[in-house]
Amino acid sequence: VQLQAYGGGLAQAGGFLRLSCAASGRPFSSYTVGWFRQAPGKEREFVADIIWSADSTLYADSVKGRFTISRDNAKNTVVLQMNSLKPEDTAVYYCAADRARRHSVVGFTYAYWGQGTQVTVSS
């Protein structure tokens, strides 16, 4: 499956952005799809994931209550709605997918990765 992440950009603190991860080649129905992010000089970190078939979600504590991950069946897309943005949310965001239908906060368990999309939050 090929992944395409888009929707990044510049937002002010307290604002919002919406990221999308589109799949081509295979439907997401048998995958877990996750979002990770990497800020300059920092390690990649887990943001959220969704087990598509169960519509089950998991969030990092740092984004819980502010970010929402969801699926769009018709578009075969996973959406990350990011509200109440903070400057510390600034990073390159990556979507990833794996056929194992379980939550995972560990990047190397995901077999497929999209290109990153830059999110910059100004204070």
PDB file of N, CA and C in Angstrom:
ATOM      1  N   VAL A   1       0.848  -1.173   0.000  1.00  0.00           N
ATOM      2  CA  VAL A   1       0.000   0.000   0.000  1.00  0.00           C
ATOM      3  C   VAL A   1       0.902   1.247   0.000  1.00  0.00           C
ATOM      4  N   GLN A   2       0.509   2.227  -0.785  1.00  0.00           N
ATOM      5  CA  GLN A   2       1.245   3.498  -0.825  1.00  0.00           C
ATOM      6  C   GLN A   2       0.448   4.540  -0.031  1.00  0.00           C
ATOM      7  N   LEU A   3       1.159   5.301   0.755  1.00  0.00           N
ATOM      8  CA  LEU A   3       0.514   6.288   1.615  1.00  0.00           C
ATOM      9  C   LEU A   3       0.888   7.695   1.180  1.00  0.00           C
ATOM     10  N   GLN A   4      -0.089   8.573   1.230  1.00  0.00           N
ATOM     11  CA  GLN A   4       0.122   9.976   0.885  1.00  0.00           C
ATOM     12  C   GLN A   4      -0.423  10.825   2.015  1.00  0.00           C
ATOM     13  N   ALA A   5       0.467  11.544   2.681  1.00  0.00           N
ATOM     14  CA  ALA A   5       0.053  12.428   3.769  1.00  0.00           C
ATOM     15  C   ALA A   5       0.004  13.856   3.260  1.00  0.00           C
ATOM     16  N   TYR A   6      -1.032  14.577   3.664  1.00  0.00           N
ATOM     17  CA  TYR A   6      -1.145  15.974   3.240  1.00  0.00           C
ATOM     18  C   TYR A   6      -1.964  16.750   4.260  1.00  0.00           C
ATOM     19  N   GLY A   7      -1.918  18.055   4.148  1.00  0.00           N
ATOM     20  CA  GLY A   7      -2.720  18.915   5.008  1.00  0.00           C
ATOM     21  C   GLY A   7      -1.926  19.721   6.013  1.00  0.00           C
ATOM     22  N   GLY A   8      -0.623  19.566   6.045  1.00  0.00           N
ATOM     23  CA  GLY A   8       0.168  20.349   6.982  1.00  0.00           C
ATOM     24  C   GLY A   8       0.199  21.816   6.594  1.00  0.00           C
ATOM     25  N   GLY A   9       0.836  22.592   7.437  1.00  0.00           N
ATOM     26  CA  GLY A   9       0.937  24.013   7.161  1.00  0.00           C
ATOM     27  C   GLY A   9       1.294  24.778   8.413  1.00  0.00           C
ATOM     28  N   LEU A  10       0.951  26.049   8.388  1.00  0.00           N
ATOM     29  CA  LEU A  10       1.266  26.953   9.489  1.00  0.00           C
ATOM     30  C   LEU A  10      -0.007  27.322  10.219  1.00  0.00           C
ATOM     31  N   ALA A  11       0.036  27.256  11.542  1.00  0.00           N
ATOM     32  CA  ALA A  11      -1.101  27.663  12.364  1.00  0.00           C
ATOM     33  C   ALA A  11      -0.599  28.417  13.582  1.00  0.00           C
ATOM     34  N   GLN A  12      -1.466  29.211  14.149  1.00  0.00           N
ATOM     35  CA  GLN A  12      -1.137  29.900  15.389  1.00  0.00           C
ATOM     36  C   GLN A  12      -1.486  29.012  16.582  1.00  0.00           C
ATOM     37  N   ALA A  13      -0.829  29.255  17.674  1.00  0.00           N
ATOM     38  CA  ALA A  13      -1.157  28.532  18.897  1.00  0.00           C
ATOM     39  C   ALA A  13      -2.643  28.710  19.202  1.00  0.00           C
ATOM     40  N   GLY A  14      -3.270  27.605  19.556  1.00  0.00           N
ATOM     41  CA  GLY A  14      -4.699  27.611  19.790  1.00  0.00           C
ATOM     42  C   GLY A  14      -5.525  27.329  18.555  1.00  0.00           C
ATOM     43  N   GLY A  15      -4.889  27.318  17.417  1.00  0.00           N
ATOM     44  CA  GLY A  15      -5.581  27.065  16.170  1.00  0.00           C
ATOM     45  C   GLY A  15      -5.707  25.587  15.856  1.00  0.00           C
ATOM     46  N   PHE A  16      -6.016  25.298  14.612  1.00  0.00           N
ATOM     47  CA  PHE A  16      -6.217  23.909  14.222  1.00  0.00           C
ATOM     48  C   PHE A  16      -5.682  23.655  12.821  1.00  0.00           C
ATOM     49  N   LEU A  17      -5.391  22.390  12.588  1.00  0.00           N
ATOM     50  CA  LEU A  17      -5.039  21.884  11.274  1.00  0.00           C
ATOM     51  C   LEU A  17      -5.620  20.484  11.123  1.00  0.00           C
ATOM     52  N   ARG A  18      -5.781  20.078   9.907  1.00  0.00           N
ATOM     53  CA  ARG A  18      -6.348  18.763   9.619  1.00  0.00           C
ATOM     54  C   ARG A  18      -5.418  18.039   8.654  1.00  0.00           C
ATOM     55  N   LEU A  19      -4.901  16.919   9.099  1.00  0.00           N
ATOM     56  CA  LEU A  19      -4.033  16.108   8.260  1.00  0.00           C
ATOM     57  C   LEU A  19      -4.804  14.915   7.725  1.00  0.00           C
ATOM     58  N   SER A  20      -4.456  14.514   6.526  1.00  0.00           N
ATOM     59  CA  SER A  20      -5.081  13.337   5.927  1.00  0.00           C
ATOM     60  C   SER A  20      -4.011  12.383   5.443  1.00  0.00           C
ATOM     61  N   CYS A  21      -4.338  11.112   5.491  1.00  0.00           N
ATOM     62  CA  CYS A  21      -3.459  10.066   4.997  1.00  0.00           C
ATOM     63  C   CYS A  21      -4.293   9.208   4.056  1.00  0.00           C
ATOM     64  N   ALA A  22      -3.968   9.281   2.789  1.00  0.00           N
ATOM     65  CA  ALA A  22      -4.712   8.533   1.787  1.00  0.00           C
ATOM     66  C   ALA A  22      -3.921   7.302   1.367  1.00  0.00           C
ATOM     67  N   ALA A  23      -4.635   6.228   1.119  1.00  0.00           N
ATOM     68  CA  ALA A  23      -4.006   4.983   0.703  1.00  0.00           C
ATOM     69  C   ALA A  23      -4.332   4.677  -0.747  1.00  0.00           C
ATOM     70  N   SER A  24      -3.353   4.176  -1.433  1.00  0.00           N
ATOM     71  CA  SER A  24      -3.596   3.672  -2.783  1.00  0.00           C
ATOM     72  C   SER A  24      -3.016   2.272  -2.873  1.00  0.00           C
ATOM     73  N   GLY A  25      -3.627   1.464  -3.654  1.00  0.00           N
ATOM     74  CA  GLY A  25      -3.142   0.107  -3.811  1.00  0.00           C
ATOM     75  C   GLY A  25      -3.960  -0.912  -3.048  1.00  0.00           C
ATOM     76  N   ARG A  26      -4.328  -0.574  -1.849  1.00  0.00           N
ATOM     77  CA  ARG A  26      -5.144  -1.475  -1.028  1.00  0.00           C
ATOM     78  C   ARG A  26      -6.045  -0.635  -0.129  1.00  0.00           C
ATOM     79  N   PRO A  27      -7.197  -1.169   0.219  1.00  0.00           N
ATOM     80  CA  PRO A  27      -8.047  -0.448   1.165  1.00  0.00           C
ATOM     81  C   PRO A  27      -7.453  -0.524   2.565  1.00  0.00           C
ATOM     82  N   PHE A  28      -7.767   0.455   3.367  1.00  0.00           N
ATOM     83  CA  PHE A  28      -7.287   0.495   4.741  1.00  0.00           C
ATOM     84  C   PHE A  28      -8.027  -0.474   5.653  1.00  0.00           C
ATOM     85  N   SER A  29      -9.038  -1.136   5.152  1.00  0.00           N
ATOM     86  CA  SER A  29      -9.930  -1.898   6.010  1.00  0.00           C
ATOM     87  C   SER A  29      -9.227  -2.980   6.818  1.00  0.00           C
ATOM     88  N   SER A  30      -8.086  -3.465   6.381  1.00  0.00           N
ATOM     89  CA  SER A  30      -7.394  -4.531   7.106  1.00  0.00           C
ATOM     90  C   SER A  30      -6.109  -4.036   7.768  1.00  0.00           C
ATOM     91  N   TYR A  31      -6.014  -2.737   7.998  1.00  0.00           N
ATOM     92  CA  TYR A  31      -4.793  -2.151   8.524  1.00  0.00           C
ATOM     93  C   TYR A  31      -5.027  -1.399   9.833  1.00  0.00           C
ATOM     94  N   THR A  32      -3.933  -1.258  10.554  1.00  0.00           N
ATOM     95  CA  THR A  32      -3.839  -0.236  11.594  1.00  0.00           C
ATOM     96  C   THR A  32      -3.072   0.931  10.981  1.00  0.00           C
ATOM     97  N   VAL A  33      -3.590   2.131  11.171  1.00  0.00           N
ATOM     98  CA  VAL A  33      -2.959   3.325  10.614  1.00  0.00           C
ATOM     99  C   VAL A  33      -2.565   4.251  11.756  1.00  0.00           C
ATOM    100  N   GLY A  34      -1.341   4.681  11.731  1.00  0.00           N
ATOM    101  CA  GLY A  34      -0.836   5.530  12.802  1.00  0.00           C
ATOM    102  C   GLY A  34      -0.262   6.831  12.287  1.00  0.00           C
ATOM    103  N   TRP A  35      -0.191   7.804  13.167  1.00  0.00           N
ATOM    104  CA  TRP A  35       0.499   9.060  12.904  1.00  0.00           C
ATOM    105  C   TRP A  35       1.664   9.183  13.886  1.00  0.00           C
ATOM    106  N   PHE A  36       2.798   9.575  13.349  1.00  0.00           N
ATOM    107  CA  PHE A  36       3.983   9.849  14.147  1.00  0.00           C
ATOM    108  C   PHE A  36       4.472  11.246  13.798  1.00  0.00           C
ATOM    109  N   ARG A  37       5.325  11.788  14.631  1.00  0.00           N
ATOM    110  CA  ARG A  37       5.886  13.101  14.327  1.00  0.00           C
ATOM    111  C   ARG A  37       7.327  13.160  14.778  1.00  0.00           C
ATOM    112  N   GLN A  38       8.072  14.017  14.123  1.00  0.00           N
ATOM    113  CA  GLN A  38       9.470  14.199  14.482  1.00  0.00           C
ATOM    114  C   GLN A  38       9.824  15.673  14.403  1.00  0.00           C
ATOM    115  N   ALA A  39      10.201  16.220  15.533  1.00  0.00           N
ATOM    116  CA  ALA A  39      10.636  17.613  15.606  1.00  0.00           C
ATOM    117  C   ALA A  39      12.147  17.673  15.403  1.00  0.00           C
ATOM    118  N   PRO A  40      12.663  18.817  14.969  1.00  0.00           N
ATOM    119  CA  PRO A  40      14.109  18.939  14.763  1.00  0.00           C
ATOM    120  C   PRO A  40      14.895  18.589  16.011  1.00  0.00           C
ATOM    121  N   GLY A  41      15.875  17.715  15.856  1.00  0.00           N
ATOM    122  CA  GLY A  41      16.723  17.344  16.974  1.00  0.00           C
ATOM    123  C   GLY A  41      16.101  16.372  17.950  1.00  0.00           C
ATOM    124  N   LYS A  42      14.906  15.892  17.639  1.00  0.00           N
ATOM    125  CA  LYS A  42      14.228  14.967  18.553  1.00  0.00           C
ATOM    126  C   LYS A  42      13.933  13.656  17.845  1.00  0.00           C
ATOM    127  N   GLU A  43      13.674  12.649  18.642  1.00  0.00           N
ATOM    128  CA  GLU A  43      13.324  11.357  18.076  1.00  0.00           C
ATOM    129  C   GLU A  43      11.871  11.364  17.593  1.00  0.00           C
ATOM    130  N   ARG A  44      11.604  10.483  16.677  1.00  0.00           N
ATOM    131  CA  ARG A  44      10.233  10.313  16.214  1.00  0.00           C
ATOM    132  C   ARG A  44       9.359   9.817  17.364  1.00  0.00           C
ATOM    133  N   GLU A  45       8.149  10.342  17.454  1.00  0.00           N
ATOM    134  CA  GLU A  45       7.263   9.924  18.528  1.00  0.00           C
ATOM    135  C   GLU A  45       5.876   9.610  17.991  1.00  0.00           C
ATOM    136  N   PHE A  46       5.234   8.711  18.692  1.00  0.00           N
ATOM    137  CA  PHE A  46       3.878   8.298  18.361  1.00  0.00           C
ATOM    138  C   PHE A  46       2.904   9.414  18.689  1.00  0.00           C
ATOM    139  N   VAL A  47       1.904   9.574  17.820  1.00  0.00           N
ATOM    140  CA  VAL A  47       0.862  10.564  18.046  1.00  0.00           C
ATOM    141  C   VAL A  47      -0.487   9.881  18.301  1.00  0.00           C
ATOM    142  N   ALA A  48      -0.911   9.050  17.365  1.00  0.00           N
ATOM    143  CA  ALA A  48      -2.208   8.381  17.479  1.00  0.00           C
ATOM    144  C   ALA A  48      -2.278   7.257  16.467  1.00  0.00           C
ATOM    145  N   ASP A  49      -3.148   6.291  16.729  1.00  0.00           N
ATOM    146  CA  ASP A  49      -3.416   5.277  15.714  1.00  0.00           C
ATOM    147  C   ASP A  49      -4.865   4.834  15.766  1.00  0.00           C
ATOM    148  N   ILE A  50      -5.276   4.147  14.717  1.00  0.00           N
ATOM    149  CA  ILE A  50      -6.635   3.646  14.623  1.00  0.00           C
ATOM    150  C   ILE A  50      -6.593   2.256  13.980  1.00  0.00           C
ATOM    151  N   ILE A  51      -7.254   1.321  14.619  1.00  0.00           N
ATOM    152  CA  ILE A  51      -7.457   0.008  14.017  1.00  0.00           C
ATOM    153  C   ILE A  51      -8.714   0.136  13.178  1.00  0.00           C
ATOM    154  N   TRP A  52      -8.529   0.145  11.874  1.00  0.00           N
ATOM    155  CA  TRP A  52      -9.629   0.517  10.975  1.00  0.00           C
ATOM    156  C   TRP A  52     -10.850  -0.353  11.182  1.00  0.00           C
ATOM    157  N   SER A  53     -10.646  -1.679  11.222  1.00  0.00           N
ATOM    158  CA  SER A  53     -11.787  -2.595  11.259  1.00  0.00           C
ATOM    159  C   SER A  53     -12.576  -2.497  12.555  1.00  0.00           C
ATOM    160  N   ALA A  54     -11.910  -2.101  13.631  1.00  0.00           N
ATOM    161  CA  ALA A  54     -12.574  -2.006  14.930  1.00  0.00           C
ATOM    162  C   ALA A  54     -12.947  -0.571  15.283  1.00  0.00           C
ATOM    163  N   ASP A  55     -12.464   0.374  14.469  1.00  0.00           N
ATOM    164  CA  ASP A  55     -12.659   1.796  14.778  1.00  0.00           C
ATOM    165  C   ASP A  55     -12.183   2.085  16.205  1.00  0.00           C
ATOM    166  N   SER A  56     -11.065   1.472  16.556  1.00  0.00           N
ATOM    167  CA  SER A  56     -10.494   1.637  17.889  1.00  0.00           C
ATOM    168  C   SER A  56      -9.283   2.563  17.789  1.00  0.00           C
ATOM    169  N   THR A  57      -9.201   3.522  18.695  1.00  0.00           N
ATOM    170  CA  THR A  57      -8.157   4.534  18.619  1.00  0.00           C
ATOM    171  C   THR A  57      -7.287   4.554  19.871  1.00  0.00           C
ATOM    172  N   LEU A  58      -6.086   5.077  19.691  1.00  0.00           N
ATOM    173  CA  LEU A  58      -5.140   5.236  20.788  1.00  0.00           C
ATOM    174  C   LEU A  58      -4.412   6.554  20.580  1.00  0.00           C
ATOM    175  N   TYR A  59      -4.182   7.281  21.670  1.00  0.00           N
ATOM    176  CA  TYR A  59      -3.527   8.580  21.578  1.00  0.00           C
ATOM    177  C   TYR A  59      -2.347   8.670  22.543  1.00  0.00           C
ATOM    178  N   ALA A  60      -1.364   9.438  22.130  1.00  0.00           N
ATOM    179  CA  ALA A  60      -0.301   9.803  23.054  1.00  0.00           C
ATOM    180  C   ALA A  60      -0.873  10.768  24.089  1.00  0.00           C
ATOM    181  N   ASP A  61      -0.349  10.716  25.283  1.00  0.00           N
ATOM    182  CA  ASP A  61      -0.847  11.591  26.343  1.00  0.00           C
ATOM    183  C   ASP A  61      -0.715  13.064  25.962  1.00  0.00           C
ATOM    184  N   SER A  62       0.301  13.380  25.200  1.00  0.00           N
ATOM    185  CA  SER A  62       0.568  14.776  24.853  1.00  0.00           C
ATOM    186  C   SER A  62      -0.490  15.381  23.935  1.00  0.00           C
ATOM    187  N   VAL A  63      -1.263  14.538  23.260  1.00  0.00           N
ATOM    188  CA  VAL A  63      -2.263  15.063  22.329  1.00  0.00           C
ATOM    189  C   VAL A  63      -3.687  14.676  22.712  1.00  0.00           C
ATOM    190  N   LYS A  64      -3.817  13.871  23.733  1.00  0.00           N
ATOM    191  CA  LYS A  64      -5.141  13.395  24.133  1.00  0.00           C
ATOM    192  C   LYS A  64      -6.042  14.571  24.493  1.00  0.00           C
ATOM    193  N   GLY A  65      -7.236  14.558  23.961  1.00  0.00           N
ATOM    194  CA  GLY A  65      -8.186  15.637  24.206  1.00  0.00           C
ATOM    195  C   GLY A  65      -8.068  16.785  23.232  1.00  0.00           C
ATOM    196  N   ARG A  66      -6.996  16.812  22.448  1.00  0.00           N
ATOM    197  CA  ARG A  66      -6.803  17.890  21.462  1.00  0.00           C
ATOM    198  C   ARG A  66      -6.857  17.358  20.030  1.00  0.00           C
ATOM    199  N   PHE A  67      -6.322  16.169  19.827  1.00  0.00           N
ATOM    200  CA  PHE A  67      -6.275  15.570  18.496  1.00  0.00           C
ATOM    201  C   PHE A  67      -7.305  14.457  18.408  1.00  0.00           C
ATOM    202  N   THR A  68      -7.850  14.278  17.217  1.00  0.00           N
ATOM    203  CA  THR A  68      -8.790  13.190  16.964  1.00  0.00           C
ATOM    204  C   THR A  68      -8.406  12.482  15.681  1.00  0.00           C
ATOM    205  N   ILE A  69      -8.253  11.174  15.761  1.00  0.00           N
ATOM    206  CA  ILE A  69      -7.979  10.368  14.569  1.00  0.00           C
ATOM    207  C   ILE A  69      -9.264   9.659  14.172  1.00  0.00           C
ATOM    208  N   SER A  70      -9.542   9.656  12.890  1.00  0.00           N
ATOM    209  CA  SER A  70     -10.777   9.024  12.421  1.00  0.00           C
ATOM    210  C   SER A  70     -10.577   8.478  11.021  1.00  0.00           C
ATOM    211  N   ARG A  71     -11.523   7.702  10.591  1.00  0.00           N
ATOM    212  CA  ARG A  71     -11.447   7.095   9.258  1.00  0.00           C
ATOM    213  C   ARG A  71     -12.541   7.647   8.367  1.00  0.00           C
ATOM    214  N   ASP A  72     -12.246   7.714   7.106  1.00  0.00           N
ATOM    215  CA  ASP A  72     -13.230   8.100   6.092  1.00  0.00           C
ATOM    216  C   ASP A  72     -13.317   6.924   5.132  1.00  0.00           C
ATOM    217  N   ASN A  73     -14.359   6.125   5.332  1.00  0.00           N
ATOM    218  CA  ASN A  73     -14.483   4.905   4.538  1.00  0.00           C
ATOM    219  C   ASN A  73     -14.577   5.195   3.049  1.00  0.00           C
ATOM    220  N   ALA A  74     -15.342   6.194   2.705  1.00  0.00           N
ATOM    221  CA  ALA A  74     -15.589   6.474   1.293  1.00  0.00           C
ATOM    222  C   ALA A  74     -14.305   6.894   0.575  1.00  0.00           C
ATOM    223  N   LYS A  75     -13.442   7.599   1.275  1.00  0.00           N
ATOM    224  CA  LYS A  75     -12.230   8.104   0.648  1.00  0.00           C
ATOM    225  C   LYS A  75     -11.004   7.242   0.952  1.00  0.00           C
ATOM    226  N   ASN A  76     -11.198   6.176   1.738  1.00  0.00           N
ATOM    227  CA  ASN A  76     -10.069   5.324   2.129  1.00  0.00           C
ATOM    228  C   ASN A  76      -8.946   6.176   2.700  1.00  0.00           C
ATOM    229  N   THR A  77      -9.322   7.017   3.643  1.00  0.00           N
ATOM    230  CA  THR A  77      -8.418   8.026   4.204  1.00  0.00           C
ATOM    231  C   THR A  77      -8.532   8.034   5.712  1.00  0.00           C
ATOM    232  N   VAL A  78      -7.406   8.285   6.370  1.00  0.00           N
ATOM    233  CA  VAL A  78      -7.397   8.505   7.809  1.00  0.00           C
ATOM    234  C   VAL A  78      -7.113   9.984   8.059  1.00  0.00           C
ATOM    235  N   VAL A  79      -7.902  10.569   8.918  1.00  0.00           N
ATOM    236  CA  VAL A  79      -7.801  12.000   9.196  1.00  0.00           C
ATOM    237  C   VAL A  79      -7.314  12.217  10.622  1.00  0.00           C
ATOM    238  N   LEU A  80      -6.403  13.152  10.774  1.00  0.00           N
ATOM    239  CA  LEU A  80      -5.965  13.589  12.098  1.00  0.00           C
ATOM    240  C   LEU A  80      -6.371  15.049  12.266  1.00  0.00           C
ATOM    241  N   GLN A  81      -7.401  15.262  13.053  1.00  0.00           N
ATOM    242  CA  GLN A  81      -7.863  16.618  13.346  1.00  0.00           C
ATOM    243  C   GLN A  81      -7.097  17.113  14.559  1.00  0.00           C
ATOM    244  N   MET A  82      -6.391  18.214  14.378  1.00  0.00           N
ATOM    245  CA  MET A  82      -5.541  18.738  15.441  1.00  0.00           C
ATOM    246  C   MET A  82      -6.078  20.087  15.891  1.00  0.00           C
ATOM    247  N   ASN A  83      -6.603  20.132  17.097  1.00  0.00           N
ATOM    248  CA  ASN A  83      -7.154  21.366  17.666  1.00  0.00           C
ATOM    249  C   ASN A  83      -6.288  21.847  18.817  1.00  0.00           C
ATOM    250  N   SER A  84      -6.520  23.057  19.225  1.00  0.00           N
ATOM    251  CA  SER A  84      -5.786  23.641  20.356  1.00  0.00           C
ATOM    252  C   SER A  84      -4.280  23.424  20.201  1.00  0.00           C
ATOM    253  N   LEU A  85      -3.791  23.746  19.037  1.00  0.00           N
ATOM    254  CA  LEU A  85      -2.389  23.490  18.726  1.00  0.00           C
ATOM    255  C   LEU A  85      -1.464  24.302  19.629  1.00  0.00           C
ATOM    256  N   LYS A  86      -0.317  23.700  19.906  1.00  0.00           N
ATOM    257  CA  LYS A  86       0.706  24.330  20.725  1.00  0.00           C
ATOM    258  C   LYS A  86       2.006  24.406  19.920  1.00  0.00           C
ATOM    259  N   PRO A  87       2.869  25.337  20.244  1.00  0.00           N
ATOM    260  CA  PRO A  87       4.157  25.395  19.531  1.00  0.00           C
ATOM    261  C   PRO A  87       4.922  24.077  19.587  1.00  0.00           C
ATOM    262  N   GLU A  88       4.780  23.344  20.666  1.00  0.00           N
ATOM    263  CA  GLU A  88       5.475  22.055  20.780  1.00  0.00           C
ATOM    264  C   GLU A  88       4.903  20.977  19.880  1.00  0.00           C
ATOM    265  N   ASP A  89       3.812  21.272  19.184  1.00  0.00           N
ATOM    266  CA  ASP A  89       3.296  20.338  18.187  1.00  0.00           C
ATOM    267  C   ASP A  89       4.024  20.486  16.849  1.00  0.00           C
ATOM    268  N   THR A  90       4.874  21.482  16.748  1.00  0.00           N
ATOM    269  CA  THR A  90       5.633  21.692  15.517  1.00  0.00           C
ATOM    270  C   THR A  90       6.529  20.498  15.229  1.00  0.00           C
ATOM    271  N   ALA A  91       6.360  19.933  14.045  1.00  0.00           N
ATOM    272  CA  ALA A  91       7.115  18.731  13.668  1.00  0.00           C
ATOM    273  C   ALA A  91       6.747  18.351  12.234  1.00  0.00           C
ATOM    274  N   VAL A  92       7.483  17.408  11.712  1.00  0.00           N
ATOM    275  CA  VAL A  92       7.063  16.736  10.489  1.00  0.00           C
ATOM    276  C   VAL A  92       6.204  15.551  10.904  1.00  0.00           C
ATOM    277  N   TYR A  93       5.023  15.467  10.353  1.00  0.00           N
ATOM    278  CA  TYR A  93       4.086  14.409  10.695  1.00  0.00           C
ATOM    279  C   TYR A  93       4.076  13.351   9.591  1.00  0.00           C
ATOM    280  N   TYR A  94       4.122  12.094  10.021  1.00  0.00           N
ATOM    281  CA  TYR A  94       4.137  10.972   9.098  1.00  0.00           C
ATOM    282  C   TYR A  94       2.960  10.037   9.400  1.00  0.00           C
ATOM    283  N   CYS A  95       2.354   9.526   8.344  1.00  0.00           N
ATOM    284  CA  CYS A  95       1.393   8.462   8.567  1.00  0.00           C
ATOM    285  C   CYS A  95       2.045   7.131   8.208  1.00  0.00           C
ATOM    286  N   ALA A  96       1.588   6.097   8.869  1.00  0.00           N
ATOM    287  CA  ALA A  96       2.148   4.772   8.695  1.00  0.00           C
ATOM    288  C   ALA A  96       1.033   3.746   8.794  1.00  0.00           C
ATOM    289  N   ALA A  97       1.255   2.577   8.220  1.00  0.00           N
ATOM    290  CA  ALA A  97       0.227   1.546   8.242  1.00  0.00           C
ATOM    291  C   ALA A  97       0.857   0.177   8.385  1.00  0.00           C
ATOM    292  N   ASP A  98       0.093  -0.704   8.976  1.00  0.00           N
ATOM    293  CA  ASP A  98       0.541  -2.076   9.106  1.00  0.00           C
ATOM    294  C   ASP A  98      -0.657  -3.001   9.097  1.00  0.00           C
ATOM    295  N   ARG A  99      -0.459  -4.218   8.613  1.00  0.00           N
ATOM    296  CA  ARG A  99      -1.558  -5.168   8.524  1.00  0.00           C
ATOM    297  C   ARG A  99      -1.933  -5.785   9.858  1.00  0.00           C
ATOM    298  N   ALA A 100      -1.055  -5.703  10.818  1.00  0.00           N
ATOM    299  CA  ALA A 100      -1.381  -6.252  12.132  1.00  0.00           C
ATOM    300  C   ALA A 100      -2.432  -5.371  12.776  1.00  0.00           C
ATOM    301  N   ARG A 101      -3.528  -5.932  13.106  1.00  0.00           N
ATOM    302  CA  ARG A 101      -4.659  -5.162  13.643  1.00  0.00           C
ATOM    303  C   ARG A 101      -4.530  -5.060  15.157  1.00  0.00           C
ATOM    304  N   ARG A 102      -3.598  -4.230  15.566  1.00  0.00           N
ATOM    305  CA  ARG A 102      -3.402  -3.970  16.987  1.00  0.00           C
ATOM    306  C   ARG A 102      -2.790  -2.584  17.120  1.00  0.00           C
ATOM    307  N   HIS A 103      -3.002  -1.987  18.267  1.00  0.00           N
ATOM    308  CA  HIS A 103      -2.410  -0.693  18.521  1.00  0.00           C
ATOM    309  C   HIS A 103      -0.912  -0.859  18.687  1.00  0.00           C
ATOM    310  N   SER A 104      -0.178   0.118  18.201  1.00  0.00           N
ATOM    311  CA  SER A 104       1.267   0.094  18.394  1.00  0.00           C
ATOM    312  C   SER A 104       1.810   1.504  18.414  1.00  0.00           C
ATOM    313  N   VAL A 105       2.584   1.813  19.441  1.00  0.00           N
ATOM    314  CA  VAL A 105       3.216   3.122  19.553  1.00  0.00           C
ATOM    315  C   VAL A 105       4.654   3.083  19.054  1.00  0.00           C
ATOM    316  N   VAL A 106       5.061   1.945  18.548  1.00  0.00           N
ATOM    317  CA  VAL A 106       6.448   1.744  18.127  1.00  0.00           C
ATOM    318  C   VAL A 106       6.538   1.818  16.615  1.00  0.00           C
ATOM    319  N   GLY A 107       7.333   2.739  16.132  1.00  0.00           N
ATOM    320  CA  GLY A 107       7.403   2.986  14.708  1.00  0.00           C
ATOM    321  C   GLY A 107       7.828   1.804  13.866  1.00  0.00           C
ATOM    322  N   PHE A 108       8.787   1.028  14.356  1.00  0.00           N
ATOM    323  CA  PHE A 108       9.316  -0.030  13.493  1.00  0.00           C
ATOM    324  C   PHE A 108       8.334  -1.179  13.298  1.00  0.00           C
ATOM    325  N   THR A 109       7.229  -1.177  14.025  1.00  0.00           N
ATOM    326  CA  THR A 109       6.213  -2.216  13.799  1.00  0.00           C
ATOM    327  C   THR A 109       5.316  -1.892  12.605  1.00  0.00           C
ATOM    328  N   TYR A 110       5.446  -0.682  12.069  1.00  0.00           N
ATOM    329  CA  TYR A 110       4.659  -0.296  10.905  1.00  0.00           C
ATOM    330  C   TYR A 110       5.479  -0.541   9.638  1.00  0.00           C
ATOM    331  N   ALA A 111       4.899  -1.251   8.691  1.00  0.00           N
ATOM    332  CA  ALA A 111       5.635  -1.638   7.494  1.00  0.00           C
ATOM    333  C   ALA A 111       5.606  -0.578   6.398  1.00  0.00           C
ATOM    334  N   TYR A 112       4.591   0.245   6.397  1.00  0.00           N
ATOM    335  CA  TYR A 112       4.401   1.186   5.297  1.00  0.00           C
ATOM    336  C   TYR A 112       4.375   2.622   5.844  1.00  0.00           C
ATOM    337  N   TRP A 113       5.063   3.507   5.138  1.00  0.00           N
ATOM    338  CA  TRP A 113       5.172   4.900   5.575  1.00  0.00           C
ATOM    339  C   TRP A 113       4.913   5.832   4.415  1.00  0.00           C
ATOM    340  N   GLY A 114       4.250   6.937   4.724  1.00  0.00           N
ATOM    341  CA  GLY A 114       4.098   7.986   3.743  1.00  0.00           C
ATOM    342  C   GLY A 114       5.202   9.020   3.907  1.00  0.00           C
ATOM    343  N   GLN A 115       5.239   9.963   3.002  1.00  0.00           N
ATOM    344  CA  GLN A 115       6.184  11.064   3.146  1.00  0.00           C
ATOM    345  C   GLN A 115       5.666  11.986   4.243  1.00  0.00           C
ATOM    346  N   GLY A 116       6.489  12.780   4.809  1.00  0.00           N
ATOM    347  CA  GLY A 116       6.065  13.646   5.888  1.00  0.00           C
ATOM    348  C   GLY A 116       5.391  14.912   5.388  1.00  0.00           C
ATOM    349  N   THR A 117       4.637  15.501   6.284  1.00  0.00           N
ATOM    350  CA  THR A 117       4.045  16.802   6.013  1.00  0.00           C
ATOM    351  C   THR A 117       4.357  17.720   7.190  1.00  0.00           C
ATOM    352  N   GLN A 118       4.814  18.927   6.887  1.00  0.00           N
ATOM    353  CA  GLN A 118       5.289  19.833   7.928  1.00  0.00           C
ATOM    354  C   GLN A 118       4.128  20.538   8.611  1.00  0.00           C
ATOM    355  N   VAL A 119       4.158  20.533   9.930  1.00  0.00           N
ATOM    356  CA  VAL A 119       3.221  21.301  10.742  1.00  0.00           C
ATOM    357  C   VAL A 119       4.036  22.281  11.573  1.00  0.00           C
ATOM    358  N   THR A 120       3.719  23.552  11.456  1.00  0.00           N
ATOM    359  CA  THR A 120       4.416  24.584  12.216  1.00  0.00           C
ATOM    360  C   THR A 120       3.386  25.398  12.983  1.00  0.00           C
ATOM    361  N   VAL A 121       3.586  25.490  14.283  1.00  0.00           N
ATOM    362  CA  VAL A 121       2.668  26.236  15.143  1.00  0.00           C
ATOM    363  C   VAL A 121       3.431  27.400  15.753  1.00  0.00           C
ATOM    364  N   SER A 122       2.955  28.590  15.485  1.00  0.00           N
ATOM    365  CA  SER A 122       3.613  29.783  16.001  1.00  0.00           C
ATOM    366  C   SER A 122       2.962  30.229  17.297  1.00  0.00           C
ATOM    367  N   SER A 123       3.777  30.812  18.152  1.00  0.00           N
ATOM    368  CA  SER A 123       3.258  31.259  19.457  1.00  0.00           C
ATOM    369  C   SER A 123       2.716  32.674  19.386  1.00  0.00           C
TER     370      SER A 123
END
